[in-house]
Amino acid sequence: MKSQLSRLIVIVGLFLAGCTQGPEYHPYSASDLAVPEQYVGGNEGIPTADISEWWSLFNDPVLAELINTALSENLDIAQSATVVVQAREALIQSGAAQLPAIGISSSSGRNFYSEAPDSWSFSRSIDASWSADIFGGLKRSRQAALASFQAAGYSLANARTLIAAELARNYVTVRSFEERLRIAEDSIRNQDSNFQIAKWRAQAGLVSSVDVEQASAQRAQTAAIIPLLEQSEAAARYRLAVLTGQAPGAVDSLLGDDGRLPTIPDFIARGAPANILRQRPDILASERDLASATALIGVAQAQLYPALTLTGNIGSTSSEFGNITDILTGGLFASIAQSIFDAGSRRSVVRSQQAAADGAFAAYRSTILTALEEVENAIIARRTAEARISAFSDQSRSASNAAILARYNYRAGLIDFQRLLESERSLLSANDSLAVARADQLTSAIQLYLALGGGWQPVPQKTDNEEASK
């Protein structure tokens, strides 16, 4: 009986490869997806540049520590990790469905008779069943589960890259507001000095009290900026704490009160646009979703054909426990089931799954186009920030010199207070705009690293076809 079962399994297995339903999935190339050969903003650097830990290039130990903490403690990442666990268990379940199911049972009982002695009965049985995957439905199901597991892994990697970038942006925000606060406080100190000078000149009868009131109004206007800056700086600090899996305020001691903006790398390697197909985890996840949806077409098509199930059992029954193995009985059965009429339900499922695969392909291409757009936007944002920094630096130097001259000339009575007010406002505006532009430059660099797929280490994975061929 065992030899017959083995031969039957081998014979059925010969049909599996040739009868597998559904299209065979093959990854698309960059040319298939119409990915351009270079960015509009130009290609820079070599495609093998390591940006897996791009934050280390900013030479800021506090930033590096915060990101490393977030990658291990962030709760959004923890949620994504549970999805990977669920996908792995689904993969295990799909693999188990391809193997025979075996069960064992034992029973005992005592029979009572009115005119005969009581007797015992003992029985044992081993039952097995196996669904022959003649049309590849189980094979495709495992391919789909494997692709979904890989997609979950890439989605987890994408969550890590997003959290690292969000934390870095908020860190830059904190340091930027600290810098802007220092600029506002320096401006108030200058305005306090101007107020005293205007007051002394008014007391000496050299100017009217209008100068004093204007000086007071200017100081109050600048002082009103500080609470708003402090509020925004505090909100960014609290966000940093939450991103690291802690309550607001938990990272304040690490941040300190006198931090500076990180140094920005002078050069960011971009490589060719085709590199993002393997560097960006969201694109890889979308591609694996497409592979899963394609495999599910085969699962649906296999349901249109007959299902072959083999079952067998070996059992024994005895009135004495010690003799339970003396007599063995067994059986081997095969059953074929085929739907005759279902009002087109199964074929509708096939068409629905084909539409789902078309949608997954559209989503895949959309993800690629969005990624290319993000790279281009980050490139132009960085260039714009650099141009603004250059212009605001010139403005800041000129405004600083003008303010110094205006203070001297006002003390000497050579200009009126209105001219001094204008120079002070120009200086405050130039310095504040320069600080914003520097923060924007850092933010654009962070966005460029994120758009290029930085923040994780790509690990080669087997495709669904390679895994299913085992």
Protein backbone atom coordinates (compact mmCIF):
# COMPACT_ATOMS: atom_id res chain seq x y z
CA MET A 1 0.00 0.00 0.00
CA LYS A 2 2.82 2.40 0.85
CA SER A 3 4.51 1.73 -2.48
CA GLN A 4 1.25 2.40 -4.32
CA LEU A 5 0.82 5.67 -2.49
CA SER A 6 4.38 6.69 -3.33
CA ARG A 7 3.92 5.90 -7.00
CA LEU A 8 0.66 7.83 -7.09
CA ILE A 9 2.30 10.87 -5.50
CA VAL A 10 5.14 10.76 -8.05
CA ILE A 11 2.74 10.46 -10.97
CA VAL A 12 0.65 13.38 -9.74
CA GLY A 13 3.76 15.43 -9.12
CA LEU A 14 4.81 15.09 -12.77
CA PHE A 15 1.79 17.12 -13.77
CA LEU A 16 2.42 19.99 -11.40
CA ALA A 17 4.95 22.01 -13.39
CA GLY A 18 3.14 21.76 -16.71
CA CYS A 19 -0.36 22.41 -15.37
CA THR A 20 0.37 25.44 -13.20
CA GLN A 21 -2.16 28.14 -13.95
CA GLY A 22 -1.64 31.87 -14.17
CA PRO A 23 1.10 34.04 -15.67
CA GLU A 24 4.73 33.66 -14.62
CA TYR A 25 5.88 36.87 -13.03
CA HIS A 26 9.15 38.45 -14.12
CA PRO A 27 10.50 41.74 -12.69
CA TYR A 28 10.39 44.71 -15.02
CA SER A 29 13.55 46.45 -16.17
CA ALA A 30 14.14 50.19 -16.03
CA SER A 31 13.54 50.46 -19.77
CA ASP A 32 10.24 48.56 -19.45
CA LEU A 33 9.14 51.13 -16.87
CA ALA A 34 10.34 54.10 -18.98
CA VAL A 35 12.74 55.29 -16.29
CA PRO A 36 14.90 58.10 -17.73
CA GLU A 37 18.65 57.74 -17.99
CA GLN A 38 19.37 60.88 -15.99
CA TYR A 39 17.64 63.34 -13.73
CA VAL A 40 16.50 66.70 -15.04
CA GLY A 41 18.66 68.20 -12.31
CA GLY A 42 21.64 66.13 -13.46
CA ASN A 43 23.33 62.96 -12.22
CA GLU A 44 26.08 63.31 -9.66
CA GLY A 45 28.40 60.79 -8.10
CA ILE A 46 28.69 57.04 -8.44
CA PRO A 47 25.67 54.77 -8.00
CA THR A 48 27.43 52.65 -5.35
CA ALA A 49 27.73 55.49 -2.83
CA ASP A 50 26.69 54.25 0.63
CA ILE A 51 23.86 56.34 2.03
CA SER A 52 22.46 53.68 4.36
CA GLU A 53 23.39 55.88 7.36
CA TRP A 54 23.40 59.28 5.72
CA TRP A 55 22.85 61.09 9.03
CA SER A 56 26.43 60.24 10.06
CA LEU A 57 27.61 62.55 7.26
CA PHE A 58 26.22 65.58 9.13
CA ASN A 59 28.86 65.19 11.88
CA ASP A 60 26.35 65.76 14.67
CA PRO A 61 26.56 63.20 17.52
CA VAL A 62 23.24 64.31 19.03
CA LEU A 63 21.42 63.80 15.74
CA ALA A 64 23.02 60.37 15.28
CA GLU A 65 22.07 59.30 18.80
CA LEU A 66 18.48 60.44 18.36
CA ILE A 67 18.07 58.59 15.07
CA ASN A 68 19.61 55.39 16.42
CA THR A 69 17.23 55.55 19.39
CA ALA A 70 14.25 56.13 17.11
CA LEU A 71 15.16 53.19 14.87
CA SER A 72 15.08 50.86 17.87
CA GLU A 73 12.26 52.39 19.93
CA ASN A 74 9.84 54.16 17.58
CA LEU A 75 6.33 52.76 17.89
CA ASP A 76 5.40 53.20 14.22
CA ILE A 77 8.36 51.00 13.32
CA ALA A 78 7.25 48.50 15.96
CA GLN A 79 3.81 48.34 14.33
CA SER A 80 5.37 47.70 10.93
CA ALA A 81 7.47 44.92 12.45
CA THR A 82 4.31 43.11 13.58
CA VAL A 83 3.06 43.14 9.98
CA VAL A 84 6.25 41.35 8.96
CA VAL A 85 5.63 38.70 11.61
CA GLN A 86 2.08 38.18 10.36
CA ALA A 87 3.29 37.91 6.76
CA ARG A 88 5.92 35.36 7.79
CA GLU A 89 3.29 33.24 9.53
CA ALA A 90 1.08 33.44 6.43
CA LEU A 91 4.04 32.19 4.39
CA ILE A 92 4.48 29.26 6.76
CA GLN A 93 0.79 28.44 6.47
CA SER A 94 0.92 28.51 2.67
CA GLY A 95 3.86 26.12 2.72
CA ALA A 96 2.07 23.78 5.10
CA ALA A 97 -0.91 23.62 2.73
CA GLN A 98 1.30 21.87 0.15
CA LEU A 99 2.17 19.00 2.51
CA PRO A 100 0.03 16.08 3.72
CA ALA A 101 -1.97 16.51 6.90
CA ILE A 102 -1.53 13.60 9.32
CA GLY A 103 -3.49 12.92 12.46
CA ILE A 104 -3.56 10.21 15.06
CA SER A 105 -6.38 9.20 17.36
CA SER A 106 -6.86 6.64 20.12
CA SER A 107 -9.96 5.53 21.97
CA SER A 108 -10.98 3.05 24.60
CA GLY A 109 -14.34 1.99 26.02
CA ARG A 110 -16.07 -0.52 28.20
CA ASN A 111 -19.07 -2.40 26.95
CA PHE A 112 -21.79 -3.49 29.34
CA TYR A 113 -24.00 -6.51 28.69
CA SER A 114 -26.96 -7.75 30.72
CA GLU A 115 -26.21 -11.48 30.24
CA ALA A 116 -22.48 -11.48 29.54
CA PRO A 117 -19.35 -10.22 31.21
CA ASP A 118 -18.33 -6.68 30.52
CA SER A 119 -15.63 -6.20 27.88
CA TRP A 120 -13.16 -3.53 26.88
CA SER A 121 -12.39 -2.21 23.41
CA PHE A 122 -9.26 -0.35 22.30
CA SER A 123 -8.57 1.31 18.96
CA ARG A 124 -5.94 3.43 17.28
CA SER A 125 -5.83 5.04 13.86
CA ILE A 126 -3.58 7.21 11.74
CA ASP A 127 -5.28 9.34 9.11
CA ALA A 128 -3.63 11.28 6.32
CA SER A 129 -4.90 13.57 3.57
CA TRP A 130 -3.19 15.44 0.78
CA SER A 131 -4.55 17.83 -1.81
CA ALA A 132 -2.66 17.28 -5.05
CA ASP A 133 -1.60 20.64 -6.50
CA ILE A 134 -2.19 19.55 -10.10
CA PHE A 135 -3.04 23.01 -11.41
CA GLY A 136 -0.60 24.95 -9.23
CA GLY A 137 -3.07 26.77 -7.03
CA LEU A 138 -1.09 26.00 -3.88
CA LYS A 139 2.19 26.83 -5.61
CA ARG A 140 0.85 30.22 -6.69
CA SER A 141 -0.56 30.79 -3.23
CA ARG A 142 2.89 30.23 -1.75
CA GLN A 143 4.44 32.58 -4.32
CA ALA A 144 1.89 35.23 -3.35
CA ALA A 145 2.59 34.71 0.34
CA LEU A 146 6.34 34.92 -0.21
CA ALA A 147 5.99 38.14 -2.21
CA SER A 148 3.72 39.60 0.49
CA PHE A 149 6.29 38.67 3.15
CA GLN A 150 9.03 40.39 1.16
CA ALA A 151 6.78 43.43 0.64
CA ALA A 152 6.19 43.62 4.39
CA GLY A 153 9.93 43.56 4.96
CA TYR A 154 10.47 46.40 2.51
CA SER A 155 7.58 48.33 4.05
CA LEU A 156 9.31 47.98 7.43
CA ALA A 157 12.52 49.31 5.89
CA ASN A 158 10.55 52.19 4.36
CA ALA A 159 9.06 53.01 7.76
CA ARG A 160 12.57 53.18 9.18
CA THR A 161 13.73 55.55 6.44
CA LEU A 162 10.70 57.80 6.93
CA ILE A 163 11.18 57.97 10.69
CA ALA A 164 14.90 58.76 10.33
CA ALA A 165 14.13 61.56 7.88
CA GLU A 166 11.28 62.97 9.97
CA LEU A 167 13.45 62.99 13.07
CA ALA A 168 16.28 64.72 11.20
CA ARG A 169 13.89 67.37 9.86
CA ASN A 170 12.53 68.05 13.33
CA TYR A 171 16.06 68.20 14.72
CA VAL A 172 16.94 70.81 12.10
CA THR A 173 13.75 72.67 13.03
CA VAL A 174 14.79 72.75 16.70
CA ARG A 175 18.27 74.04 15.89
CA SER A 176 16.88 76.55 13.40
CA PHE A 177 14.46 78.04 15.91
CA GLU A 178 17.24 78.18 18.50
CA GLU A 179 19.33 80.14 16.01
CA ARG A 180 16.42 82.45 15.20
CA LEU A 181 15.82 83.01 18.90
CA ARG A 182 19.45 84.05 19.34
CA ILE A 183 19.09 86.47 16.42
CA ALA A 184 15.92 87.98 17.92
CA GLU A 185 17.52 88.30 21.36
CA ASP A 186 20.61 89.97 19.86
CA SER A 187 18.32 92.37 18.03
CA ILE A 188 16.49 93.21 21.26
CA ARG A 189 19.78 94.01 22.96
CA ASN A 190 20.63 96.44 20.15
CA GLN A 191 17.16 97.94 20.35
CA ASP A 192 17.51 98.37 24.13
CA SER A 193 20.67 100.34 23.44
CA ASN A 194 18.87 102.42 20.81
CA PHE A 195 16.04 103.08 23.27
CA GLN A 196 18.46 104.39 25.88
CA ILE A 197 20.17 106.63 23.35
CA ALA A 198 16.82 108.02 22.16
CA LYS A 199 15.79 108.58 25.77
CA TRP A 200 19.00 110.46 26.60
CA ARG A 201 18.75 112.60 23.49
CA ALA A 202 15.11 113.40 24.27
CA GLN A 203 16.02 114.36 27.82
CA ALA A 204 18.77 116.61 26.43
CA GLY A 205 16.21 118.26 24.18
CA LEU A 206 17.98 117.13 21.01
CA VAL A 207 15.02 115.10 19.71
CA SER A 208 11.35 114.84 20.50
CA SER A 209 9.77 112.08 22.56
CA VAL A 210 8.57 110.54 19.29
CA ASP A 211 11.97 108.85 18.96
CA VAL A 212 11.56 107.31 22.40
CA GLU A 213 8.12 105.94 21.55
CA GLN A 214 9.31 104.58 18.23
CA ALA A 215 12.23 102.83 19.92
CA SER A 216 9.89 101.32 22.50
CA ALA A 217 7.45 100.17 19.81
CA GLN A 218 10.25 98.57 17.81
CA ARG A 219 11.50 96.63 20.82
CA ALA A 220 7.98 95.43 21.65
CA GLN A 221 7.46 94.29 18.07
CA THR A 222 10.64 92.23 18.12
CA ALA A 223 9.88 90.85 21.59
CA ALA A 224 6.50 89.60 20.29
CA ILE A 225 8.34 87.30 17.89
CA ILE A 226 10.12 85.40 20.66
CA PRO A 227 7.09 83.56 22.18
CA LEU A 228 6.11 82.24 18.75
CA LEU A 229 9.64 81.01 18.10
CA GLU A 230 9.75 79.38 21.53
CA GLN A 231 6.41 77.67 20.91
CA SER A 232 7.55 76.23 17.57
CA GLU A 233 10.90 75.16 19.02
CA ALA A 234 9.17 73.38 21.92
CA ALA A 235 6.76 71.59 19.57
CA ALA A 236 9.69 70.29 17.52
CA ARG A 237 11.45 69.12 20.69
CA TYR A 238 8.34 67.27 21.84
CA ARG A 239 8.03 65.65 18.43
CA LEU A 240 11.61 64.41 18.69
CA ALA A 241 10.79 62.71 21.99
CA VAL A 242 7.72 60.97 20.55
CA LEU A 243 9.67 59.81 17.50
CA THR A 244 12.16 58.13 19.85
CA GLY A 245 9.33 56.35 21.66
CA GLN A 246 9.36 58.62 24.71
CA ALA A 247 7.13 61.20 26.35
CA PRO A 248 7.48 64.89 25.38
CA GLY A 249 10.43 66.51 27.13
CA ALA A 250 12.42 63.29 27.47
CA VAL A 251 15.17 64.42 25.07
CA ASP A 252 15.46 68.03 26.25
CA SER A 253 18.55 67.32 28.33
CA LEU A 254 20.24 65.65 25.36
CA LEU A 255 19.41 68.56 23.06
CA GLY A 256 20.67 71.23 25.45
CA ASP A 257 20.02 74.92 24.94
CA ASP A 258 22.89 76.08 22.76
CA GLY A 259 22.90 73.70 19.82
CA ARG A 260 23.93 74.68 16.32
CA LEU A 261 22.76 73.58 12.91
CA PRO A 262 24.57 70.46 11.64
CA THR A 263 27.13 70.83 8.90
CA ILE A 264 25.80 69.88 5.49
CA PRO A 265 27.77 67.56 3.20
CA ASP A 266 29.21 69.44 0.22
CA PHE A 267 28.47 66.54 -2.11
CA ILE A 268 25.56 64.11 -2.35
CA ALA A 269 25.98 61.26 -4.81
CA ARG A 270 22.84 60.76 -6.88
CA GLY A 271 23.71 58.09 -9.41
CA ALA A 272 21.33 57.19 -12.24
CA PRO A 273 17.54 57.23 -11.87
CA ALA A 274 17.43 53.46 -12.44
CA ASN A 275 19.20 53.00 -9.11
CA ILE A 276 16.10 53.95 -7.16
CA LEU A 277 14.41 50.75 -8.38
CA ARG A 278 16.63 48.81 -5.98
CA GLN A 279 17.50 51.54 -3.47
CA ARG A 280 14.04 52.74 -2.44
CA PRO A 281 12.22 50.30 -0.17
CA ASP A 282 8.79 51.69 -1.05
CA ILE A 283 9.41 50.87 -4.72
CA LEU A 284 10.64 47.40 -3.82
CA ALA A 285 7.56 46.86 -1.65
CA SER A 286 5.29 47.99 -4.48
CA GLU A 287 7.05 45.62 -6.89
CA ARG A 288 6.55 42.72 -4.47
CA ASP A 289 2.86 43.66 -4.15
CA LEU A 290 2.64 43.38 -7.93
CA ALA A 291 4.32 39.96 -7.83
CA SER A 292 1.84 38.81 -5.18
CA ALA A 293 -1.15 40.08 -7.15
CA THR A 294 0.13 38.33 -10.28
CA ALA A 295 0.51 35.02 -8.43
CA LEU A 296 -3.04 35.29 -7.09
CA ILE A 297 -4.33 35.20 -10.67
CA GLY A 298 -3.02 31.63 -10.84
CA VAL A 299 -4.69 30.83 -7.53
CA ALA A 300 -8.03 32.00 -8.89
CA GLN A 301 -7.59 30.18 -12.22
CA ALA A 302 -6.72 26.91 -10.46
CA GLN A 303 -10.14 27.00 -8.80
CA LEU A 304 -11.72 26.52 -12.24
CA TYR A 305 -10.33 22.99 -12.53
CA PRO A 306 -10.93 19.71 -10.67
CA ALA A 307 -9.41 19.22 -7.23
CA LEU A 308 -7.81 15.87 -6.42
CA THR A 309 -7.59 14.81 -2.79
CA LEU A 310 -5.91 11.66 -1.53
CA THR A 311 -6.79 10.25 1.86
CA GLY A 312 -5.57 7.17 3.70
CA ASN A 313 -5.75 5.57 7.09
CA ILE A 314 -4.25 2.78 9.12
CA GLY A 315 -6.08 1.50 12.17
CA SER A 316 -6.49 -1.35 14.59
CA THR A 317 -9.09 -2.47 17.11
CA SER A 318 -8.76 -5.01 19.91
CA SER A 319 -10.52 -6.06 23.08
CA GLU A 320 -7.16 -6.20 24.87
CA PHE A 321 -4.71 -3.33 25.02
CA GLY A 322 -1.69 -5.61 24.60
CA ASN A 323 -3.04 -7.06 21.34
CA ILE A 324 -3.96 -3.73 19.71
CA THR A 325 -1.22 -4.04 17.07
CA ASP A 326 -1.98 -7.63 16.10
CA ILE A 327 -4.55 -6.77 13.45
CA LEU A 328 -4.10 -3.74 11.22
CA THR A 329 -6.53 -2.36 8.69
CA GLY A 330 -6.07 0.41 6.22
CA GLY A 331 -7.40 2.18 3.20
CA LEU A 332 -6.36 4.56 0.43
CA PHE A 333 -8.89 6.74 -1.31
CA ALA A 334 -8.86 9.34 -4.04
CA SER A 335 -11.57 11.89 -4.70
CA ILE A 336 -12.02 14.42 -7.47
CA ALA A 337 -14.29 17.44 -7.07
CA GLN A 338 -15.33 19.76 -9.86
CA SER A 339 -17.78 22.63 -9.81
CA ILE A 340 -20.45 22.21 -12.49
CA PHE A 341 -22.39 25.43 -12.04
CA ASP A 342 -21.61 28.47 -9.91
CA ALA A 343 -23.27 31.19 -12.00
CA GLY A 344 -19.84 32.46 -13.15
CA SER A 345 -18.58 33.13 -9.63
CA ARG A 346 -15.14 31.54 -10.07
CA ARG A 347 -14.49 33.20 -13.42
CA SER A 348 -15.53 36.50 -11.90
CA VAL A 349 -12.88 35.97 -9.22
CA VAL A 350 -10.28 35.45 -11.96
CA ARG A 351 -11.28 38.67 -13.71
CA SER A 352 -11.29 40.51 -10.39
CA GLN A 353 -7.78 39.29 -9.59
CA GLN A 354 -6.55 40.28 -13.06
CA ALA A 355 -7.91 43.76 -12.42
CA ALA A 356 -6.17 43.79 -9.03
CA ALA A 357 -2.88 42.90 -10.76
CA ASP A 358 -3.41 45.74 -13.27
CA GLY A 359 -4.03 48.08 -10.36
CA ALA A 360 -0.88 46.85 -8.61
CA PHE A 361 1.14 47.55 -11.76
CA ALA A 362 -0.31 51.06 -11.97
CA ALA A 363 0.53 51.60 -8.29
CA TYR A 364 4.07 50.33 -8.93
CA ARG A 365 4.62 52.78 -11.78
CA SER A 366 3.04 55.58 -9.77
CA THR A 367 5.44 54.89 -6.89
CA ILE A 368 8.38 55.09 -9.29
CA LEU A 369 7.20 58.35 -10.85
CA THR A 370 6.60 59.84 -7.39
CA ALA A 371 10.12 58.81 -6.36
CA LEU A 372 11.62 60.48 -9.44
CA GLU A 373 9.58 63.60 -8.70
CA GLU A 374 10.81 63.67 -5.10
CA VAL A 375 14.44 63.43 -6.22
CA GLU A 376 14.00 66.25 -8.73
CA ASN A 377 12.22 68.44 -6.17
CA ALA A 378 14.94 67.80 -3.59
CA ILE A 379 17.65 68.70 -6.12
CA ILE A 380 16.03 71.99 -7.06
CA ALA A 381 15.19 72.76 -3.41
CA ARG A 382 18.84 72.39 -2.46
CA ARG A 383 20.01 74.58 -5.32
CA THR A 384 17.41 77.19 -4.42
CA ALA A 385 18.45 77.13 -0.77
CA GLU A 386 22.11 77.55 -1.73
CA ALA A 387 21.26 80.54 -3.93
CA ARG A 388 19.19 82.07 -1.12
CA ILE A 389 22.02 81.53 1.37
CA SER A 390 24.42 83.36 -0.92
CA ALA A 391 22.02 86.28 -1.38
CA PHE A 392 21.02 86.52 2.28
CA SER A 393 24.66 86.31 3.36
CA ASP A 394 25.44 89.35 1.23
CA GLN A 395 22.34 91.09 2.56
CA SER A 396 23.27 90.26 6.15
CA ARG A 397 26.78 91.69 5.77
CA SER A 398 25.50 94.88 4.14
CA ALA A 399 22.65 95.25 6.66
CA SER A 400 25.06 94.75 9.55
CA ASN A 401 27.39 97.43 8.26
CA ALA A 402 24.45 99.75 7.58
CA ALA A 403 23.08 99.23 11.09
CA ILE A 404 26.45 100.00 12.67
CA LEU A 405 26.76 103.19 10.66
CA ALA A 406 23.17 104.16 11.42
CA ARG A 407 23.71 103.76 15.17
CA TYR A 408 26.86 105.89 15.02
CA ASN A 409 25.22 108.55 12.86
CA TYR A 410 22.14 108.70 15.10
CA ARG A 411 24.29 109.19 18.19
CA ALA A 412 26.05 111.96 16.32
CA GLY A 413 22.74 113.51 15.29
CA LEU A 414 23.43 113.05 11.58
CA ILE A 415 20.27 111.01 10.82
CA ASP A 416 16.80 110.78 12.31
CA PHE A 417 15.51 107.80 14.26
CA GLN A 418 13.40 106.56 11.34
CA ARG A 419 16.54 105.79 9.36
CA LEU A 420 17.91 103.85 12.34
CA LEU A 421 14.65 101.90 12.63
CA GLU A 422 14.80 100.90 8.98
CA SER A 423 18.39 99.68 9.28
CA GLU A 424 17.60 97.61 12.38
CA ARG A 425 14.57 96.03 10.72
CA SER A 426 16.60 95.21 7.62
CA LEU A 427 19.31 93.57 9.74
CA LEU A 428 16.83 91.45 11.71
CA SER A 429 15.06 90.38 8.53
CA ALA A 430 18.32 89.49 6.75
CA ASN A 431 19.72 87.44 9.64
CA ASP A 432 16.42 85.64 10.20
CA SER A 433 16.04 84.87 6.49
CA LEU A 434 19.62 83.56 6.39
CA ALA A 435 18.91 81.20 9.29
CA VAL A 436 15.75 79.94 7.55
CA ALA A 437 17.64 79.40 4.29
CA ARG A 438 20.34 77.38 6.07
CA ALA A 439 17.68 75.19 7.66
CA ASP A 440 16.00 74.77 4.27
CA GLN A 441 19.32 73.70 2.77
CA LEU A 442 19.70 71.01 5.43
CA THR A 443 16.08 69.92 5.00
CA SER A 444 16.54 69.63 1.23
CA ALA A 445 19.63 67.47 1.77
CA ILE A 446 17.66 65.21 4.11
CA GLN A 447 14.87 65.01 1.56
CA LEU A 448 17.36 64.16 -1.19
CA TYR A 449 18.87 61.33 0.86
CA LEU A 450 15.37 60.03 1.56
CA ALA A 451 14.29 60.32 -2.10
CA LEU A 452 17.38 58.42 -3.24
CA GLY A 453 16.52 55.55 -0.91
CA GLY A 454 18.94 56.26 1.93
CA GLY A 455 18.43 55.14 5.50
CA TRP A 456 18.55 51.37 5.13
CA GLN A 457 20.80 48.66 3.78
CA PRO A 458 19.38 46.76 0.79
CA VAL A 459 19.65 42.98 1.27
CA PRO A 460 19.38 40.71 -1.79
CA GLN A 461 16.28 38.55 -1.51
CA LYS A 462 15.13 35.53 -3.47
CA THR A 463 12.30 36.07 -5.89
CA ASP A 464 9.05 34.21 -5.56
CA ASN A 465 9.93 31.99 -8.53
CA GLU A 466 13.29 31.03 -6.99
CA GLU A 467 11.70 30.21 -3.66
CA ALA A 468 8.79 28.29 -5.17
CA SER A 469 11.13 26.16 -7.27
CA LYS A 470 12.51 24.53 -4.13
